[in-house]
PDB file of N, CA and C in Angstrom:
ATOM      1  N   MET A   1       5.826  10.924 -10.447  1.00  0.00           N
ATOM      2  CA  MET A   1       6.024   9.891 -11.514  1.00  0.00           C
ATOM      3  C   MET A   1       5.546  10.304 -12.844  1.00  0.00           C
ATOM      4  N   ALA A   2       6.321  10.478 -13.835  1.00  0.00           N
ATOM      5  CA  ALA A   2       5.908  10.986 -15.113  1.00  0.00           C
ATOM      6  C   ALA A   2       5.402   9.795 -15.981  1.00  0.00           C
ATOM      7  N   LEU A   3       4.455  10.017 -16.806  1.00  0.00           N
ATOM      8  CA  LEU A   3       3.991   8.966 -17.733  1.00  0.00           C
ATOM      9  C   LEU A   3       5.025   8.951 -18.852  1.00  0.00           C
ATOM     10  N   LYS A   4       5.209   7.743 -19.351  1.00  0.00           N
ATOM     11  CA  LYS A   4       6.124   7.363 -20.376  1.00  0.00           C
ATOM     12  C   LYS A   4       5.331   7.785 -21.765  1.00  0.00           C
ATOM     13  N   MET A   5       6.188   8.380 -22.598  1.00  0.00           N
ATOM     14  CA  MET A   5       5.629   8.564 -23.954  1.00  0.00           C
ATOM     15  C   MET A   5       6.082   7.265 -24.827  1.00  0.00           C
ATOM     16  N   ASN A   6       5.091   6.651 -25.406  1.00  0.00           N
ATOM     17  CA  ASN A   6       5.454   5.427 -26.278  1.00  0.00           C
ATOM     18  C   ASN A   6       5.871   5.924 -27.597  1.00  0.00           C
ATOM     19  N   SER A   7       6.529   5.102 -28.241  1.00  0.00           N
ATOM     20  CA  SER A   7       6.876   5.205 -29.611  1.00  0.00           C
ATOM     21  C   SER A   7       5.912   4.421 -30.497  1.00  0.00           C
ATOM     22  N   ILE A   8       5.875   4.619 -31.654  1.00  0.00           N
ATOM     23  CA  ILE A   8       5.022   3.841 -32.712  1.00  0.00           C
ATOM     24  C   ILE A   8       5.649   2.554 -32.984  1.00  0.00           C
ATOM     25  N   GLN A   9       4.811   1.539 -32.868  1.00  0.00           N
ATOM     26  CA  GLN A   9       5.363   0.145 -33.116  1.00  0.00           C
ATOM     27  C   GLN A   9       4.415  -0.481 -34.324  1.00  0.00           C
ATOM     28  N   VAL A  10       5.031  -1.236 -35.170  1.00  0.00           N
ATOM     29  CA  VAL A  10       4.403  -1.796 -36.244  1.00  0.00           C
ATOM     30  C   VAL A  10       4.372  -3.361 -35.975  1.00  0.00           C
ATOM     31  N   PHE A  11       3.298  -3.987 -36.117  1.00  0.00           N
ATOM     32  CA  PHE A  11       3.138  -5.478 -35.938  1.00  0.00           C
ATOM     33  C   PHE A  11       2.659  -6.119 -37.216  1.00  0.00           C
ATOM     34  N   ASN A  12       2.924  -7.440 -37.337  1.00  0.00           N
ATOM     35  CA  ASN A  12       2.488  -8.206 -38.426  1.00  0.00           C
ATOM     36  C   ASN A  12       0.971  -8.651 -38.347  1.00  0.00           C
ATOM     37  N   SER A  13       0.542  -8.720 -37.111  1.00  0.00           N
ATOM     38  CA  SER A  13      -0.881  -9.238 -36.793  1.00  0.00           C
ATOM     39  C   SER A  13      -1.317  -8.515 -35.635  1.00  0.00           C
ATOM     40  N   LEU A  14      -2.673  -8.552 -35.580  1.00  0.00           N
ATOM     41  CA  LEU A  14      -3.463  -8.036 -34.475  1.00  0.00           C
ATOM     42  C   LEU A  14      -3.080  -8.798 -33.103  1.00  0.00           C
ATOM     43  N   ASP A  15      -2.915 -10.053 -33.245  1.00  0.00           N
ATOM     44  CA  ASP A  15      -2.394 -10.985 -32.096  1.00  0.00           C
ATOM     45  C   ASP A  15      -1.149 -10.498 -31.578  1.00  0.00           C
ATOM     46  N   ALA A  16      -0.192 -10.201 -32.451  1.00  0.00           N
ATOM     47  CA  ALA A  16       1.136  -9.794 -31.913  1.00  0.00           C
ATOM     48  C   ALA A  16       1.012  -8.396 -31.316  1.00  0.00           C
ATOM     49  N   ALA A  17       0.154  -7.467 -31.743  1.00  0.00           N
ATOM     50  CA  ALA A  17       0.065  -6.228 -31.298  1.00  0.00           C
ATOM     51  C   ALA A  17      -0.634  -6.336 -29.845  1.00  0.00           C
ATOM     52  N   ASP A  18      -1.671  -7.209 -29.730  1.00  0.00           N
ATOM     53  CA  ASP A  18      -2.406  -7.481 -28.319  1.00  0.00           C
ATOM     54  C   ASP A  18      -1.402  -8.154 -27.442  1.00  0.00           C
ATOM     55  N   ASP A  19      -0.600  -9.040 -27.861  1.00  0.00           N
ATOM     56  CA  ASP A  19       0.512  -9.612 -26.965  1.00  0.00           C
ATOM     57  C   ASP A  19       1.411  -8.525 -26.441  1.00  0.00           C
ATOM     58  N   SER A  20       1.874  -7.695 -27.247  1.00  0.00           N
ATOM     59  CA  SER A  20       2.839  -6.552 -26.848  1.00  0.00           C
ATOM     60  C   SER A  20       2.154  -5.680 -25.870  1.00  0.00           C
ATOM     61  N   GLU A  21       0.990  -5.256 -26.066  1.00  0.00           N
ATOM     62  CA  GLU A  21       0.297  -4.350 -25.194  1.00  0.00           C
ATOM     63  C   GLU A  21      -0.067  -5.026 -23.942  1.00  0.00           C
ATOM     64  N   ARG A  22      -0.353  -6.368 -23.878  1.00  0.00           N
ATOM     65  CA  ARG A  22      -0.738  -7.025 -22.702  1.00  0.00           C
ATOM     66  C   ARG A  22       0.664  -7.087 -21.775  1.00  0.00           C
ATOM     67  N   LEU A  23       1.749  -7.373 -22.423  1.00  0.00           N
ATOM     68  CA  LEU A  23       3.145  -7.531 -21.760  1.00  0.00           C
ATOM     69  C   LEU A  23       3.422  -6.051 -21.183  1.00  0.00           C
ATOM     70  N   GLU A  24       3.188  -5.138 -21.958  1.00  0.00           N
ATOM     71  CA  GLU A  24       3.494  -3.699 -21.403  1.00  0.00           C
ATOM     72  C   GLU A  24       2.664  -3.429 -20.169  1.00  0.00           C
ATOM     73  N   ARG A  25       1.365  -3.773 -20.190  1.00  0.00           N
ATOM     74  CA  ARG A  25       0.610  -3.566 -19.002  1.00  0.00           C
ATOM     75  C   ARG A  25       0.980  -4.403 -17.822  1.00  0.00           C
ATOM     76  N   TRP A  26       1.312  -5.602 -18.027  1.00  0.00           N
ATOM     77  CA  TRP A  26       1.780  -6.580 -16.914  1.00  0.00           C
ATOM     78  C   TRP A  26       3.126  -6.055 -16.257  1.00  0.00           C
ATOM     79  N   ASN A  27       3.965  -5.350 -17.121  1.00  0.00           N
ATOM     80  CA  ASN A  27       5.190  -4.817 -16.614  1.00  0.00           C
ATOM     81  C   ASN A  27       5.098  -3.519 -15.954  1.00  0.00           C
ATOM     82  N   MET A  28       3.978  -2.855 -15.864  1.00  0.00           N
ATOM     83  CA  MET A  28       3.661  -1.667 -15.131  1.00  0.00           C
ATOM     84  C   MET A  28       3.610  -1.950 -13.686  1.00  0.00           C
ATOM     85  N   SER A  29       4.156  -0.997 -12.851  1.00  0.00           N
ATOM     86  CA  SER A  29       3.879  -1.147 -11.332  1.00  0.00           C
ATOM     87  C   SER A  29       2.466  -0.660 -11.016  1.00  0.00           C
ATOM     88  N   PRO A  30       2.024  -1.087  -9.813  1.00  0.00           N
ATOM     89  CA  PRO A  30       0.626  -0.578  -9.435  1.00  0.00           C
ATOM     90  C   PRO A  30       0.613   0.906  -9.425  1.00  0.00           C
ATOM     91  N   ASP A  31       1.627   1.581  -9.045  1.00  0.00           N
ATOM     92  CA  ASP A  31       1.712   2.986  -9.072  1.00  0.00           C
ATOM     93  C   ASP A  31       1.417   3.644 -10.418  1.00  0.00           C
ATOM     94  N   GLU A  32       2.086   3.058 -11.457  1.00  0.00           N
ATOM     95  CA  GLU A  32       1.866   3.402 -12.754  1.00  0.00           C
ATOM     96  C   GLU A  32       0.505   3.300 -13.274  1.00  0.00           C
ATOM     97  N   ARG A  33      -0.142   2.110 -12.843  1.00  0.00           N
ATOM     98  CA  ARG A  33      -1.576   1.884 -13.194  1.00  0.00           C
ATOM     99  C   ARG A  33      -2.423   2.908 -12.649  1.00  0.00           C
ATOM    100  N   LEU A  34      -2.193   3.136 -11.368  1.00  0.00           N
ATOM    101  CA  LEU A  34      -3.097   4.186 -10.698  1.00  0.00           C
ATOM    102  C   LEU A  34      -2.929   5.608 -11.226  1.00  0.00           C
ATOM    103  N   GLU A  35      -1.667   5.815 -11.588  1.00  0.00           N
ATOM    104  CA  GLU A  35      -1.471   7.259 -12.184  1.00  0.00           C
ATOM    105  C   GLU A  35      -2.264   7.281 -13.511  1.00  0.00           C
ATOM    106  N   ILE A  36      -2.233   6.308 -14.325  1.00  0.00           N
ATOM    107  CA  ILE A  36      -3.008   6.260 -15.549  1.00  0.00           C
ATOM    108  C   ILE A  36      -4.589   6.411 -15.242  1.00  0.00           C
ATOM    109  N   LEU A  37      -4.933   5.626 -14.263  1.00  0.00           N
ATOM    110  CA  LEU A  37      -6.392   5.815 -13.818  1.00  0.00           C
ATOM    111  C   LEU A  37      -6.769   7.203 -13.438  1.00  0.00           C
ATOM    112  N   GLU A  38      -5.886   7.823 -12.639  1.00  0.00           N
ATOM    113  CA  GLU A  38      -6.105   9.271 -12.239  1.00  0.00           C
ATOM    114  C   GLU A  38      -6.096  10.160 -13.307  1.00  0.00           C
ATOM    115  N   ARG A  39      -5.231  10.046 -14.200  1.00  0.00           N
ATOM    116  CA  ARG A  39      -5.182  10.837 -15.430  1.00  0.00           C
ATOM    117  C   ARG A  39      -6.536  10.766 -16.184  1.00  0.00           C
ATOM    118  N   LEU A  40      -6.944   9.481 -16.419  1.00  0.00           N
ATOM    119  CA  LEU A  40      -8.225   9.305 -17.159  1.00  0.00           C
ATOM    120  C   LEU A  40      -9.406   9.902 -16.401  1.00  0.00           C
ATOM    121  N   ARG A  41      -9.373   9.720 -15.015  1.00  0.00           N
ATOM    122  CA  ARG A  41     -10.444  10.400 -14.232  1.00  0.00           C
ATOM    123  C   ARG A  41     -10.536  11.882 -14.328  1.00  0.00           C
ATOM    124  N   SER A  42      -9.254  12.497 -14.295  1.00  0.00           N
ATOM    125  CA  SER A  42      -9.212  14.025 -14.424  1.00  0.00           C
ATOM    126  C   SER A  42      -9.636  14.458 -15.685  1.00  0.00           C
ATOM    127  N   LEU A  43      -9.511  13.655 -16.796  1.00  0.00           N
ATOM    128  CA  LEU A  43      -9.958  14.091 -18.152  1.00  0.00           C
ATOM    129  C   LEU A  43     -11.535  13.966 -18.004  1.00  0.00           C
ATOM    130  N   LYS A  44     -12.146  13.000 -17.543  1.00  0.00           N
ATOM    131  CA  LYS A  44     -13.639  12.783 -17.466  1.00  0.00           C
ATOM    132  C   LYS A  44     -14.232  13.652 -16.538  1.00  0.00           C
ATOM    133  N   TYR A  45     -13.646  14.013 -15.357  1.00  0.00           N
ATOM    134  CA  TYR A  45     -14.156  14.888 -14.269  1.00  0.00           C
ATOM    135  C   TYR A  45     -13.198  15.943 -13.990  1.00  0.00           C
ATOM    136  N   PRO A  46     -13.116  16.977 -14.868  1.00  0.00           N
ATOM    137  CA  PRO A  46     -12.060  18.059 -14.542  1.00  0.00           C
ATOM    138  C   PRO A  46     -12.309  18.863 -13.420  1.00  0.00           C
ATOM    139  N   ASP A  47     -13.487  18.897 -12.750  1.00  0.00           N
ATOM    140  CA  ASP A  47     -13.720  19.719 -11.661  1.00  0.00           C
ATOM    141  C   ASP A  47     -13.183  19.141 -10.293  1.00  0.00           C
ATOM    142  N   GLY A  48     -12.551  17.970 -10.472  1.00  0.00           N
ATOM    143  CA  GLY A  48     -11.833  17.344  -9.273  1.00  0.00           C
ATOM    144  C   GLY A  48     -12.776  16.347  -8.459  1.00  0.00           C
ATOM    145  N   LYS A  49     -13.983  16.255  -8.754  1.00  0.00           N
ATOM    146  CA  LYS A  49     -14.938  15.323  -8.002  1.00  0.00           C
ATOM    147  C   LYS A  49     -14.689  13.986  -8.458  1.00  0.00           C
ATOM    148  N   ILE A  50     -14.837  13.015  -7.552  1.00  0.00           N
ATOM    149  CA  ILE A  50     -14.694  11.699  -7.885  1.00  0.00           C
ATOM    150  C   ILE A  50     -16.057  11.050  -8.126  1.00  0.00           C
ATOM    151  N   ALA A  51     -16.240  10.281  -9.140  1.00  0.00           N
ATOM    152  CA  ALA A  51     -17.554   9.733  -9.389  1.00  0.00           C
ATOM    153  C   ALA A  51     -17.763   8.721  -8.231  1.00  0.00           C
ATOM    154  N   PRO A  52     -19.059   8.504  -7.685  1.00  0.00           N
ATOM    155  CA  PRO A  52     -19.427   7.654  -6.521  1.00  0.00           C
ATOM    156  C   PRO A  52     -18.961   6.230  -6.704  1.00  0.00           C
ATOM    157  N   ARG A  53     -19.185   5.660  -7.941  1.00  0.00           N
ATOM    158  CA  ARG A  53     -18.585   4.139  -8.212  1.00  0.00           C
ATOM    159  C   ARG A  53     -17.198   4.056  -8.047  1.00  0.00           C
ATOM    160  N   LEU A  54     -16.279   5.140  -8.547  1.00  0.00           N
ATOM    161  CA  LEU A  54     -14.908   5.213  -8.470  1.00  0.00           C
ATOM    162  C   LEU A  54     -14.487   5.293  -7.017  1.00  0.00           C
ATOM    163  N   ARG A  55     -15.202   6.077  -6.252  1.00  0.00           N
ATOM    164  CA  ARG A  55     -14.980   6.305  -4.899  1.00  0.00           C
ATOM    165  C   ARG A  55     -15.150   4.990  -4.114  1.00  0.00           C
ATOM    166  N   ARG A  56     -16.089   4.187  -4.417  1.00  0.00           N
ATOM    167  CA  ARG A  56     -16.328   2.894  -3.674  1.00  0.00           C
ATOM    168  C   ARG A  56     -15.069   1.997  -3.964  1.00  0.00           C
ATOM    169  N   VAL A  57     -14.715   1.990  -5.320  1.00  0.00           N
ATOM    170  CA  VAL A  57     -13.611   1.058  -5.652  1.00  0.00           C
ATOM    171  C   VAL A  57     -12.321   1.504  -4.911  1.00  0.00           C
ATOM    172  N   LEU A  58     -12.030   2.762  -4.906  1.00  0.00           N
ATOM    173  CA  LEU A  58     -10.895   3.351  -4.198  1.00  0.00           C
ATOM    174  C   LEU A  58     -10.888   2.991  -2.597  1.00  0.00           C
ATOM    175  N   GLU A  59     -12.108   3.115  -2.087  1.00  0.00           N
ATOM    176  CA  GLU A  59     -12.212   2.722  -0.716  1.00  0.00           C
ATOM    177  C   GLU A  59     -11.966   1.272  -0.431  1.00  0.00           C
ATOM    178  N   VAL A  60     -12.490   0.482  -1.251  1.00  0.00           N
ATOM    179  CA  VAL A  60     -12.250  -1.034  -1.165  1.00  0.00           C
ATOM    180  C   VAL A  60     -10.713  -1.290  -1.375  1.00  0.00           C
ATOM    181  N   ALA A  61     -10.211  -0.699  -2.206  1.00  0.00           N
ATOM    182  CA  ALA A  61      -8.660  -0.905  -2.620  1.00  0.00           C
ATOM    183  C   ALA A  61      -7.858  -0.401  -1.454  1.00  0.00           C
ATOM    184  N   SER A  62      -8.213   0.732  -0.789  1.00  0.00           N
ATOM    185  CA  SER A  62      -7.393   1.158   0.335  1.00  0.00           C
ATOM    186  C   SER A  62      -7.592   0.268   1.509  1.00  0.00           C
ATOM    187  N   GLN A  63      -8.713  -0.375   1.683  1.00  0.00           N
ATOM    188  CA  GLN A  63      -8.999  -1.249   2.928  1.00  0.00           C
ATOM    189  C   GLN A  63      -8.206  -2.630   2.676  1.00  0.00           C
ATOM    190  N   ALA A  64      -7.838  -3.046   1.474  1.00  0.00           N
ATOM    191  CA  ALA A  64      -7.134  -4.262   1.229  1.00  0.00           C
ATOM    192  C   ALA A  64      -5.644  -4.212   1.591  1.00  0.00           C
TER     193      ALA A  64
END
């Protein structure tokens, strides 16, 4: 699954921008959200190791 490249949007207020971003996040599938999480994790930990706290979260999520 490839990440989507977003275009630049202009809003009249911060509230309108927040609403648009919130709607975009709600429209994402769980797989898209996990892909973004993995990408951020790989930027923070490029050696491939998972931080202990994240490991616990992933274990709990996989048990659910």
